[in-house]
PDB file of N, CA and C in Angstrom:
ATOM      1  N   MET A   1     -34.750 -11.647  -7.301  1.00  0.00           N
ATOM      2  CA  MET A   1     -33.488 -11.406  -6.305  1.00  0.00           C
ATOM      3  C   MET A   1     -32.145 -12.211  -6.777  1.00  0.00           C
ATOM      4  N   THR A   2     -30.972 -12.070  -6.518  1.00  0.00           N
ATOM      5  CA  THR A   2     -29.572 -12.862  -6.438  1.00  0.00           C
ATOM      6  C   THR A   2     -29.679 -14.062  -6.054  1.00  0.00           C
ATOM      7  N   GLU A   3     -29.074 -14.691  -6.762  1.00  0.00           N
ATOM      8  CA  GLU A   3     -28.708 -16.043  -6.294  1.00  0.00           C
ATOM      9  C   GLU A   3     -28.310 -16.489  -5.167  1.00  0.00           C
ATOM     10  N   ALA A   4     -28.433 -17.565  -4.576  1.00  0.00           N
ATOM     11  CA  ALA A   4     -27.943 -17.413  -3.622  1.00  0.00           C
ATOM     12  C   ALA A   4     -25.911 -17.756  -3.135  1.00  0.00           C
ATOM     13  N   ALA A   5     -25.664 -18.491  -4.305  1.00  0.00           N
ATOM     14  CA  ALA A   5     -23.987 -18.648  -4.277  1.00  0.00           C
ATOM     15  C   ALA A   5     -23.756 -18.019  -4.556  1.00  0.00           C
ATOM     16  N   PRO A   6     -23.549 -16.527  -5.445  1.00  0.00           N
ATOM     17  CA  PRO A   6     -22.756 -15.717  -5.609  1.00  0.00           C
ATOM     18  C   PRO A   6     -22.654 -14.657  -4.338  1.00  0.00           C
ATOM     19  N   ILE A   7     -24.008 -14.379  -3.725  1.00  0.00           N
ATOM     20  CA  ILE A   7     -24.198 -13.326  -3.242  1.00  0.00           C
ATOM     21  C   ILE A   7     -23.150 -14.028  -1.279  1.00  0.00           C
ATOM     22  N   ASN A   8     -23.280 -15.182  -1.564  1.00  0.00           N
ATOM     23  CA  ASN A   8     -22.853 -15.862  -0.306  1.00  0.00           C
ATOM     24  C   ASN A   8     -21.277 -15.733  -0.272  1.00  0.00           C
ATOM     25  N   ALA A   9     -20.984 -16.079  -1.465  1.00  0.00           N
ATOM     26  CA  ALA A   9     -19.398 -16.098  -1.717  1.00  0.00           C
ATOM     27  C   ALA A   9     -18.912 -14.532  -1.592  1.00  0.00           C
ATOM     28  N   VAL A  10     -19.687 -13.493  -2.003  1.00  0.00           N
ATOM     29  CA  VAL A  10     -19.200 -11.956  -1.984  1.00  0.00           C
ATOM     30  C   VAL A  10     -19.225 -11.687  -0.658  1.00  0.00           C
ATOM     31  N   MET A  11     -20.360 -12.053   0.397  1.00  0.00           N
ATOM     32  CA  MET A  11     -20.291 -11.929   1.722  1.00  0.00           C
ATOM     33  C   MET A  11     -19.432 -12.581   2.530  1.00  0.00           C
ATOM     34  N   ARG A  12     -19.433 -13.834   2.420  1.00  0.00           N
ATOM     35  CA  ARG A  12     -18.342 -14.702   2.929  1.00  0.00           C
ATOM     36  C   ARG A  12     -16.818 -13.903   2.754  1.00  0.00           C
ATOM     37  N   ALA A  13     -16.507 -13.662   1.567  1.00  0.00           N
ATOM     38  CA  ALA A  13     -15.407 -12.819   1.214  1.00  0.00           C
ATOM     39  C   ALA A  13     -15.034 -11.779   2.086  1.00  0.00           C
ATOM     40  N   LEU A  14     -15.815 -10.886   1.944  1.00  0.00           N
ATOM     41  CA  LEU A  14     -15.799  -9.542   2.929  1.00  0.00           C
ATOM     42  C   LEU A  14     -16.510  -9.548   4.233  1.00  0.00           C
ATOM     43  N   ALA A  15     -16.715 -10.491   4.680  1.00  0.00           N
ATOM     44  CA  ALA A  15     -16.985 -10.811   6.223  1.00  0.00           C
ATOM     45  C   ALA A  15     -15.571 -10.375   7.098  1.00  0.00           C
ATOM     46  N   ASP A  16     -14.594 -11.039   6.373  1.00  0.00           N
ATOM     47  CA  ASP A  16     -13.738 -11.068   7.234  1.00  0.00           C
ATOM     48  C   ASP A  16     -12.671  -9.533   6.978  1.00  0.00           C
ATOM     49  N   PRO A  17     -12.177  -8.850   8.352  1.00  0.00           N
ATOM     50  CA  PRO A  17     -11.981  -7.186   8.286  1.00  0.00           C
ATOM     51  C   PRO A  17     -10.791  -7.457   7.864  1.00  0.00           C
ATOM     52  N   THR A  18     -10.010  -8.420   7.766  1.00  0.00           N
ATOM     53  CA  THR A  18      -8.712  -8.565   7.267  1.00  0.00           C
ATOM     54  C   THR A  18      -8.374  -8.278   5.585  1.00  0.00           C
ATOM     55  N   ARG A  19      -9.242  -9.046   5.304  1.00  0.00           N
ATOM     56  CA  ARG A  19      -9.767  -9.529   3.918  1.00  0.00           C
ATOM     57  C   ARG A  19     -10.244  -8.152   3.390  1.00  0.00           C
ATOM     58  N   ARG A  20     -11.211  -7.493   4.034  1.00  0.00           N
ATOM     59  CA  ARG A  20     -11.904  -6.322   3.515  1.00  0.00           C
ATOM     60  C   ARG A  20     -10.787  -5.269   3.566  1.00  0.00           C
ATOM     61  N   ALA A  21      -9.734  -5.007   4.585  1.00  0.00           N
ATOM     62  CA  ALA A  21      -8.771  -3.936   4.495  1.00  0.00           C
ATOM     63  C   ALA A  21      -7.641  -4.690   3.254  1.00  0.00           C
ATOM     64  N   VAL A  22      -7.556  -5.764   2.594  1.00  0.00           N
ATOM     65  CA  VAL A  22      -6.804  -6.114   1.632  1.00  0.00           C
ATOM     66  C   VAL A  22      -7.559  -5.799   0.340  1.00  0.00           C
ATOM     67  N   PHE A  23      -8.899  -6.046   0.352  1.00  0.00           N
ATOM     68  CA  PHE A  23      -9.798  -5.736  -0.814  1.00  0.00           C
ATOM     69  C   PHE A  23      -9.552  -4.134  -0.986  1.00  0.00           C
ATOM     70  N   GLU A  24      -9.755  -3.317  -0.056  1.00  0.00           N
ATOM     71  CA  GLU A  24      -9.883  -1.653  -0.224  1.00  0.00           C
ATOM     72  C   GLU A  24      -8.684  -1.337  -0.603  1.00  0.00           C
ATOM     73  N   GLN A  25      -7.259  -1.946  -0.379  1.00  0.00           N
ATOM     74  CA  GLN A  25      -5.989  -1.498  -0.954  1.00  0.00           C
ATOM     75  C   GLN A  25      -6.077  -1.873  -2.234  1.00  0.00           C
ATOM     76  N   VAL A  26      -6.934  -3.030  -2.830  1.00  0.00           N
ATOM     77  CA  VAL A  26      -6.578  -3.230  -3.971  1.00  0.00           C
ATOM     78  C   VAL A  26      -7.496  -2.742  -4.875  1.00  0.00           C
ATOM     79  N   VAL A  27      -8.733  -2.311  -4.204  1.00  0.00           N
ATOM     80  CA  VAL A  27      -9.321  -1.260  -4.974  1.00  0.00           C
ATOM     81  C   VAL A  27      -9.012   0.332  -5.041  1.00  0.00           C
ATOM     82  N   SER A  28      -7.886   0.599  -4.511  1.00  0.00           N
ATOM     83  CA  SER A  28      -7.757   1.919  -4.023  1.00  0.00           C
ATOM     84  C   SER A  28      -6.146   2.304  -4.865  1.00  0.00           C
ATOM     85  N   SER A  29      -6.097   1.137  -5.712  1.00  0.00           N
ATOM     86  CA  SER A  29      -4.702   0.989  -6.584  1.00  0.00           C
ATOM     87  C   SER A  29      -5.005   0.632  -8.046  1.00  0.00           C
ATOM     88  N   ASP A  30      -4.298   0.633  -8.854  1.00  0.00           N
ATOM     89  CA  ASP A  30      -4.573   0.224 -10.503  1.00  0.00           C
ATOM     90  C   ASP A  30      -4.287  -1.176 -10.514  1.00  0.00           C
ATOM     91  N   GLU A  31      -3.335  -1.412 -10.090  1.00  0.00           N
ATOM     92  CA  GLU A  31      -2.582  -3.040  -9.830  1.00  0.00           C
ATOM     93  C   GLU A  31      -1.684  -2.892  -8.373  1.00  0.00           C
ATOM     94  N   ILE A  32      -1.643  -4.332  -7.713  1.00  0.00           N
ATOM     95  CA  ILE A  32      -0.743  -4.083  -6.935  1.00  0.00           C
ATOM     96  C   ILE A  32      -0.420  -5.323  -6.331  1.00  0.00           C
ATOM     97  N   THR A  33       0.963  -5.632  -5.966  1.00  0.00           N
ATOM     98  CA  THR A  33       1.477  -7.172  -5.457  1.00  0.00           C
ATOM     99  C   THR A  33       0.983  -7.198  -4.447  1.00  0.00           C
ATOM    100  N   VAL A  34       1.629  -8.877  -3.962  1.00  0.00           N
ATOM    101  CA  VAL A  34       1.460  -9.422  -2.413  1.00  0.00           C
ATOM    102  C   VAL A  34       2.321  -8.488  -1.799  1.00  0.00           C
ATOM    103  N   VAL A  35       3.606  -8.218  -2.091  1.00  0.00           N
ATOM    104  CA  VAL A  35       4.646  -7.634  -1.856  1.00  0.00           C
ATOM    105  C   VAL A  35       4.136  -6.261  -1.144  1.00  0.00           C
ATOM    106  N   GLU A  36       3.643  -5.582  -1.854  1.00  0.00           N
ATOM    107  CA  GLU A  36       3.206  -4.320  -1.810  1.00  0.00           C
ATOM    108  C   GLU A  36       1.870  -4.056  -0.639  1.00  0.00           C
ATOM    109  N   LEU A  37       1.096  -5.565  -1.098  1.00  0.00           N
ATOM    110  CA  LEU A  37      -0.129  -5.373   0.138  1.00  0.00           C
ATOM    111  C   LEU A  37       0.382  -5.689   1.706  1.00  0.00           C
ATOM    112  N   THR A  38       1.528  -6.541   1.162  1.00  0.00           N
ATOM    113  CA  THR A  38       2.269  -7.132   2.697  1.00  0.00           C
ATOM    114  C   THR A  38       3.226  -5.894   3.416  1.00  0.00           C
ATOM    115  N   ARG A  39       3.597  -5.229   2.767  1.00  0.00           N
ATOM    116  CA  ARG A  39       4.290  -3.914   3.354  1.00  0.00           C
ATOM    117  C   ARG A  39       3.495  -3.051   4.527  1.00  0.00           C
ATOM    118  N   GLY A  40       3.874  -2.937   5.520  1.00  0.00           N
ATOM    119  CA  GLY A  40       2.951  -2.288   6.480  1.00  0.00           C
ATOM    120  C   GLY A  40       1.694  -2.598   7.103  1.00  0.00           C
ATOM    121  N   SER A  41       1.140  -4.238   6.515  1.00  0.00           N
ATOM    122  CA  SER A  41       0.120  -4.815   7.250  1.00  0.00           C
ATOM    123  C   SER A  41      -0.136  -5.510   8.281  1.00  0.00           C
ATOM    124  N   GLY A  42       1.164  -5.673   8.976  1.00  0.00           N
ATOM    125  CA  GLY A  42       1.100  -6.452   9.763  1.00  0.00           C
ATOM    126  C   GLY A  42       0.869  -8.021   9.778  1.00  0.00           C
ATOM    127  N   VAL A  43       0.660  -8.154   8.740  1.00  0.00           N
ATOM    128  CA  VAL A  43       0.004  -9.749   7.928  1.00  0.00           C
ATOM    129  C   VAL A  43       1.388 -10.411   7.435  1.00  0.00           C
ATOM    130  N   THR A  44       1.541 -11.444   7.279  1.00  0.00           N
ATOM    131  CA  THR A  44       2.460 -12.712   6.693  1.00  0.00           C
ATOM    132  C   THR A  44       1.873 -12.197   5.043  1.00  0.00           C
ATOM    133  N   GLN A  45       2.562 -12.501   4.585  1.00  0.00           N
ATOM    134  CA  GLN A  45       2.860 -12.569   2.937  1.00  0.00           C
ATOM    135  C   GLN A  45       1.791 -13.905   2.522  1.00  0.00           C
ATOM    136  N   GLY A  46       2.140 -14.984   3.232  1.00  0.00           N
ATOM    137  CA  GLY A  46       1.157 -16.079   2.994  1.00  0.00           C
ATOM    138  C   GLY A  46       0.048 -15.866   3.602  1.00  0.00           C
ATOM    139  N   ALA A  47      -0.166 -14.956   4.446  1.00  0.00           N
ATOM    140  CA  ALA A  47      -2.016 -14.731   4.539  1.00  0.00           C
ATOM    141  C   ALA A  47      -2.849 -13.891   3.838  1.00  0.00           C
ATOM    142  N   ILE A  48      -2.043 -12.904   3.121  1.00  0.00           N
ATOM    143  CA  ILE A  48      -2.264 -11.919   2.327  1.00  0.00           C
ATOM    144  C   ILE A  48      -2.817 -12.869   1.148  1.00  0.00           C
ATOM    145  N   SER A  49      -1.561 -13.749   0.248  1.00  0.00           N
ATOM    146  CA  SER A  49      -1.919 -14.505  -0.238  1.00  0.00           C
ATOM    147  C   SER A  49      -3.469 -15.778  -0.273  1.00  0.00           C
ATOM    148  N   GLN A  50      -3.450 -15.657   0.803  1.00  0.00           N
ATOM    149  CA  GLN A  50      -4.919 -16.320   1.292  1.00  0.00           C
ATOM    150  C   GLN A  50      -5.935 -15.555   0.944  1.00  0.00           C
ATOM    151  N   HIS A  51      -5.850 -14.633   1.622  1.00  0.00           N
ATOM    152  CA  HIS A  51      -7.331 -13.505   1.242  1.00  0.00           C
ATOM    153  C   HIS A  51      -7.483 -13.405  -0.370  1.00  0.00           C
ATOM    154  N   LEU A  52      -5.974 -12.896  -0.728  1.00  0.00           N
ATOM    155  CA  LEU A  52      -6.288 -12.852  -2.169  1.00  0.00           C
ATOM    156  C   LEU A  52      -6.926 -13.996  -3.053  1.00  0.00           C
ATOM    157  N   LYS A  53      -6.669 -15.122  -2.434  1.00  0.00           N
ATOM    158  CA  LYS A  53      -7.262 -16.480  -3.506  1.00  0.00           C
ATOM    159  C   LYS A  53      -8.602 -16.328  -2.565  1.00  0.00           C
ATOM    160  N   ALA A  54      -9.361 -15.852  -1.700  1.00  0.00           N
ATOM    161  CA  ALA A  54     -10.400 -16.101  -1.357  1.00  0.00           C
ATOM    162  C   ALA A  54     -11.320 -14.963  -2.074  1.00  0.00           C
ATOM    163  N   LEU A  55     -10.623 -13.814  -2.522  1.00  0.00           N
ATOM    164  CA  LEU A  55     -11.412 -12.970  -3.060  1.00  0.00           C
ATOM    165  C   LEU A  55     -11.233 -12.805  -4.499  1.00  0.00           C
ATOM    166  N   LYS A  56     -10.378 -13.769  -5.162  1.00  0.00           N
ATOM    167  CA  LYS A  56     -10.476 -14.107  -6.259  1.00  0.00           C
ATOM    168  C   LYS A  56     -11.681 -15.075  -6.653  1.00  0.00           C
ATOM    169  N   GLN A  57     -11.948 -16.014  -5.414  1.00  0.00           N
ATOM    170  CA  GLN A  57     -12.817 -17.190  -5.769  1.00  0.00           C
ATOM    171  C   GLN A  57     -13.901 -16.309  -5.857  1.00  0.00           C
ATOM    172  N   ALA A  58     -14.257 -15.654  -4.910  1.00  0.00           N
ATOM    173  CA  ALA A  58     -15.465 -14.559  -5.382  1.00  0.00           C
ATOM    174  C   ALA A  58     -15.837 -13.473  -6.304  1.00  0.00           C
ATOM    175  N   GLY A  59     -14.909 -13.695  -7.252  1.00  0.00           N
ATOM    176  CA  GLY A  59     -15.152 -13.000  -8.409  1.00  0.00           C
ATOM    177  C   GLY A  59     -14.786 -11.079  -7.787  1.00  0.00           C
ATOM    178  N   LEU A  60     -14.264 -10.745  -6.932  1.00  0.00           N
ATOM    179  CA  LEU A  60     -13.546  -9.672  -6.429  1.00  0.00           C
ATOM    180  C   LEU A  60     -12.249  -9.334  -7.126  1.00  0.00           C
ATOM    181  N   VAL A  61     -11.514  -9.894  -7.195  1.00  0.00           N
ATOM    182  CA  VAL A  61     -10.186  -9.447  -7.523  1.00  0.00           C
ATOM    183  C   VAL A  61      -9.732 -10.428  -9.020  1.00  0.00           C
ATOM    184  N   ALA A  62      -8.796  -9.769  -9.975  1.00  0.00           N
ATOM    185  CA  ALA A  62      -8.470 -10.665 -10.720  1.00  0.00           C
ATOM    186  C   ALA A  62      -6.840 -10.819 -10.652  1.00  0.00           C
ATOM    187  N   GLU A  63      -6.144 -11.501 -11.523  1.00  0.00           N
ATOM    188  CA  GLU A  63      -4.578 -11.581 -11.150  1.00  0.00           C
ATOM    189  C   GLU A  63      -4.097 -11.522 -12.872  1.00  0.00           C
ATOM    190  N   ARG A  64      -2.809 -11.153 -12.789  1.00  0.00           N
ATOM    191  CA  ARG A  64      -2.216 -10.736 -13.933  1.00  0.00           C
ATOM    192  C   ARG A  64      -0.495 -10.984 -13.402  1.00  0.00           C
ATOM    193  N   PRO A  65      -0.061 -12.228 -14.108  1.00  0.00           N
ATOM    194  CA  PRO A  65       1.141 -12.905 -14.183  1.00  0.00           C
ATOM    195  C   PRO A  65       2.290 -12.065 -14.961  1.00  0.00           C
ATOM    196  N   GLU A  66       3.289 -11.688 -14.123  1.00  0.00           N
ATOM    197  CA  GLU A  66       4.270 -10.988 -14.952  1.00  0.00           C
ATOM    198  C   GLU A  66       5.656 -11.280 -14.689  1.00  0.00           C
ATOM    199  N   GLY A  67       6.071 -12.055 -15.159  1.00  0.00           N
ATOM    200  CA  GLY A  67       7.359 -12.726 -15.035  1.00  0.00           C
ATOM    201  C   GLY A  67       7.149 -13.385 -13.391  1.00  0.00           C
ATOM    202  N   ARG A  68       8.100 -12.989 -12.292  1.00  0.00           N
ATOM    203  CA  ARG A  68       7.740 -13.854 -10.724  1.00  0.00           C
ATOM    204  C   ARG A  68       7.070 -12.866 -10.129  1.00  0.00           C
ATOM    205  N   LYS A  69       6.383 -11.861 -10.641  1.00  0.00           N
ATOM    206  CA  LYS A  69       5.324 -11.224  -9.737  1.00  0.00           C
ATOM    207  C   LYS A  69       3.974 -11.184 -10.352  1.00  0.00           C
ATOM    208  N   VAL A  70       2.891 -11.166  -9.533  1.00  0.00           N
ATOM    209  CA  VAL A  70       1.753 -11.421  -9.765  1.00  0.00           C
ATOM    210  C   VAL A  70       1.133 -10.155  -9.311  1.00  0.00           C
ATOM    211  N   TYR A  71       0.197  -9.175 -10.244  1.00  0.00           N
ATOM    212  CA  TYR A  71      -0.471  -8.401  -9.995  1.00  0.00           C
ATOM    213  C   TYR A  71      -2.053  -8.469 -10.050  1.00  0.00           C
ATOM    214  N   TYR A  72      -2.578  -7.804  -9.064  1.00  0.00           N
ATOM    215  CA  TYR A  72      -4.111  -8.095  -8.489  1.00  0.00           C
ATOM    216  C   TYR A  72      -4.941  -6.502  -8.754  1.00  0.00           C
ATOM    217  N   ARG A  73      -5.939  -6.453  -9.293  1.00  0.00           N
ATOM    218  CA  ARG A  73      -6.650  -5.712  -9.425  1.00  0.00           C
ATOM    219  C   ARG A  73      -8.518  -6.119  -9.066  1.00  0.00           C
ATOM    220  N   ALA A  74      -9.005  -4.581  -8.886  1.00  0.00           N
ATOM    221  CA  ALA A  74     -10.115  -5.071  -8.562  1.00  0.00           C
ATOM    222  C   ALA A  74     -11.132  -5.465  -9.750  1.00  0.00           C
ATOM    223  N   GLN A  75     -12.079  -6.547  -9.482  1.00  0.00           N
ATOM    224  CA  GLN A  75     -13.210  -6.779 -10.523  1.00  0.00           C
ATOM    225  C   GLN A  75     -14.471  -6.157  -9.939  1.00  0.00           C
ATOM    226  N   PRO A  76     -14.759  -5.351 -10.353  1.00  0.00           N
ATOM    227  CA  PRO A  76     -16.049  -4.208 -10.013  1.00  0.00           C
ATOM    228  C   PRO A  76     -17.560  -5.174 -10.614  1.00  0.00           C
ATOM    229  N   LYS A  77     -17.155  -6.025 -11.522  1.00  0.00           N
ATOM    230  CA  LYS A  77     -18.551  -6.707 -11.859  1.00  0.00           C
ATOM    231  C   LYS A  77     -19.006  -7.875 -10.411  1.00  0.00           C
ATOM    232  N   GLY A  78     -17.801  -8.112  -9.566  1.00  0.00           N
ATOM    233  CA  GLY A  78     -17.499  -9.215  -8.869  1.00  0.00           C
ATOM    234  C   GLY A  78     -18.629  -8.757  -7.634  1.00  0.00           C
ATOM    235  N   LEU A  79     -18.927  -7.288  -7.640  1.00  0.00           N
ATOM    236  CA  LEU A  79     -19.460  -6.809  -6.440  1.00  0.00           C
ATOM    237  C   LEU A  79     -21.321  -6.609  -6.729  1.00  0.00           C
ATOM    238  N   GLU A  80     -21.540  -7.324  -7.982  1.00  0.00           N
ATOM    239  CA  GLU A  80     -22.713  -7.070  -8.735  1.00  0.00           C
ATOM    240  C   GLU A  80     -23.904  -7.751  -7.602  1.00  0.00           C
ATOM    241  N   PRO A  81     -23.555  -8.856  -7.180  1.00  0.00           N
ATOM    242  CA  PRO A  81     -24.435  -9.367  -6.515  1.00  0.00           C
ATOM    243  C   PRO A  81     -24.582  -8.771  -5.168  1.00  0.00           C
ATOM    244  N   LEU A  82     -23.913  -8.217  -4.762  1.00  0.00           N
ATOM    245  CA  LEU A  82     -24.056  -7.694  -3.322  1.00  0.00           C
ATOM    246  C   LEU A  82     -25.077  -6.176  -3.700  1.00  0.00           C
ATOM    247  N   VAL A  83     -24.683  -5.322  -4.982  1.00  0.00           N
ATOM    248  CA  VAL A  83     -25.569  -4.730  -5.246  1.00  0.00           C
ATOM    249  C   VAL A  83     -26.687  -4.772  -5.512  1.00  0.00           C
ATOM    250  N   ASP A  84     -26.984  -5.996  -6.084  1.00  0.00           N
ATOM    251  CA  ASP A  84     -28.212  -6.494  -6.409  1.00  0.00           C
ATOM    252  C   ASP A  84     -29.210  -6.571  -5.369  1.00  0.00           C
ATOM    253  N   TRP A  85     -28.908  -7.225  -4.394  1.00  0.00           N
ATOM    254  CA  TRP A  85     -29.439  -7.979  -3.067  1.00  0.00           C
ATOM    255  C   TRP A  85     -29.612  -6.391  -2.009  1.00  0.00           C
ATOM    256  N   MET A  86     -28.534  -5.689  -2.285  1.00  0.00           N
ATOM    257  CA  MET A  86     -28.977  -4.252  -1.654  1.00  0.00           C
ATOM    258  C   MET A  86     -29.915  -3.267  -1.964  1.00  0.00           C
ATOM    259  N   SER A  87     -29.892  -3.254  -3.307  1.00  0.00           N
ATOM    260  CA  SER A  87     -31.137  -2.687  -3.955  1.00  0.00           C
ATOM    261  C   SER A  87     -32.458  -3.220  -3.853  1.00  0.00           C
ATOM    262  N   HIS A  88     -32.861  -4.332  -3.539  1.00  0.00           N
ATOM    263  CA  HIS A  88     -33.802  -5.388  -3.248  1.00  0.00           C
ATOM    264  C   HIS A  88     -34.032  -4.816  -2.045  1.00  0.00           C
ATOM    265  N   TYR A  89     -33.280  -4.695  -1.388  1.00  0.00           N
ATOM    266  CA  TYR A  89     -33.889  -4.531   0.271  1.00  0.00           C
ATOM    267  C   TYR A  89     -33.811  -2.829   0.378  1.00  0.00           C
ATOM    268  N   GLY A  90     -33.159  -2.262  -0.706  1.00  0.00           N
ATOM    269  CA  GLY A  90     -33.727  -0.830  -0.504  1.00  0.00           C
ATOM    270  C   GLY A  90     -35.076  -0.662  -0.807  1.00  0.00           C
ATOM    271  N   VAL A  91     -35.880  -1.578  -1.833  1.00  0.00           N
ATOM    272  CA  VAL A  91     -37.161  -0.987  -2.511  1.00  0.00           C
ATOM    273  C   VAL A  91     -38.019  -1.765  -1.167  1.00  0.00           C
ATOM    274  N   PHE A  92     -37.750  -2.652  -0.335  1.00  0.00           N
ATOM    275  CA  PHE A  92     -38.492  -3.409   0.449  1.00  0.00           C
ATOM    276  C   PHE A  92     -38.351  -2.381   1.894  1.00  0.00           C
ATOM    277  N   TRP A  93     -37.324  -1.438   2.332  1.00  0.00           N
ATOM    278  CA  TRP A  93     -37.549  -0.626   3.246  1.00  0.00           C
ATOM    279  C   TRP A  93     -38.427   0.697   2.787  1.00  0.00           C
ATOM    280  N   ARG A  94     -38.042   1.215   1.125  1.00  0.00           N
ATOM    281  CA  ARG A  94     -38.618   2.151   1.244  1.00  0.00           C
ATOM    282  C   ARG A  94     -40.213   2.250   1.283  1.00  0.00           C
ATOM    283  N   GLU A  95     -40.662   0.906   0.741  1.00  0.00           N
ATOM    284  CA  GLU A  95     -42.446   0.675   0.719  1.00  0.00           C
ATOM    285  C   GLU A  95     -42.670   0.814   2.214  1.00  0.00           C
ATOM    286  N   ARG A  96     -41.907   0.343   2.919  1.00  0.00           N
ATOM    287  CA  ARG A  96     -42.242   0.004   4.859  1.00  0.00           C
ATOM    288  C   ARG A  96     -42.332   1.485   5.161  1.00  0.00           C
ATOM    289  N   PHE A  97     -41.291   2.481   4.613  1.00  0.00           N
ATOM    290  CA  PHE A  97     -41.403   3.635   5.055  1.00  0.00           C
ATOM    291  C   PHE A  97     -42.781   4.291   4.345  1.00  0.00           C
ATOM    292  N   ALA A  98     -42.787   4.434   3.318  1.00  0.00           N
ATOM    293  CA  ALA A  98     -44.625   4.624   2.769  1.00  0.00           C
ATOM    294  C   ALA A  98     -45.496   4.696   3.709  1.00  0.00           C
ATOM    295  N   ASN A  99     -45.512   2.913   3.882  1.00  0.00           N
ATOM    296  CA  ASN A  99     -46.537   2.425   4.352  1.00  0.00           C
ATOM    297  C   ASN A  99     -46.881   3.372   5.827  1.00  0.00           C
ATOM    298  N   LEU A 100     -45.346   3.015   6.470  1.00  0.00           N
ATOM    299  CA  LEU A 100     -45.547   3.720   7.693  1.00  0.00           C
ATOM    300  C   LEU A 100     -46.057   5.438   7.816  1.00  0.00           C
ATOM    301  N   ARG A 101     -45.428   6.189   6.832  1.00  0.00           N
ATOM    302  CA  ARG A 101     -45.741   7.478   6.346  1.00  0.00           C
ATOM    303  C   ARG A 101     -47.604   7.547   6.391  1.00  0.00           C
ATOM    304  N   THR A 102     -48.083   6.441   5.702  1.00  0.00           N
ATOM    305  CA  THR A 102     -49.448   6.779   5.661  1.00  0.00           C
ATOM    306  C   THR A 102     -50.232   6.415   7.026  1.00  0.00           C
ATOM    307  N   LEU A 103     -49.593   5.427   7.621  1.00  0.00           N
ATOM    308  CA  LEU A 103     -50.338   4.871   8.900  1.00  0.00           C
ATOM    309  C   LEU A 103     -50.330   6.521   9.496  1.00  0.00           C
ATOM    310  N   LEU A 104     -49.157   6.776   9.679  1.00  0.00           N
ATOM    311  CA  LEU A 104     -48.804   7.959  10.673  1.00  0.00           C
ATOM    312  C   LEU A 104     -50.161   8.994  10.248  1.00  0.00           C
ATOM    313  N   LYS A 105     -50.129   9.372   9.061  1.00  0.00           N
ATOM    314  CA  LYS A 105     -51.233  10.371   8.564  1.00  0.00           C
ATOM    315  C   LYS A 105     -51.986  10.260   8.885  1.00  0.00           C
ATOM    316  N   GLU A 106     -53.031   8.737   9.186  1.00  0.00           N
ATOM    317  CA  GLU A 106     -54.169   8.336   9.652  1.00  0.00           C
ATOM    318  C   GLU A 106     -54.464   8.484  10.918  1.00  0.00           C
ATOM    319  N   ILE A 107     -53.385   8.445  11.536  1.00  0.00           N
ATOM    320  CA  ILE A 107     -53.281   8.378  13.235  1.00  0.00           C
ATOM    321  C   ILE A 107     -53.400   9.780  13.490  1.00  0.00           C
ATOM    322  N   ASP A 108     -52.727  10.630  12.744  1.00  0.00           N
ATOM    323  CA  ASP A 108     -52.531  12.007  13.191  1.00  0.00           C
ATOM    324  C   ASP A 108     -52.945  13.098  12.127  1.00  0.00           C
ATOM    325  N   PRO A 109     -54.123  13.280  11.514  1.00  0.00           N
ATOM    326  CA  PRO A 109     -54.143  13.828  10.374  1.00  0.00           C
ATOM    327  C   PRO A 109     -53.605  15.650  10.251  1.00  0.00           C
TER     328      PRO A 109
END
């Protein structure tokens, strides 16, 4: 299974609903600036910057400075710890359901 530190960082970063919304906006665009993320969000530019910092530290977004602007884009590899964690539990539940199916067949043949 995945190491605790990377999965914890990803889960912590995505636990906040505003940060998840910011991440979803970044994912839905090729590249996006803080100004574009702030527009219509009801959140201050400073708060958006803090959310982006947390997402960047978790490996979920990358930045590309260009002049005075910084462009953000999603880092799909950043979700790997979460995907690994979910696939581990997918196997766990498939095994449990298979055991349940077997038990039910034994009880009511």
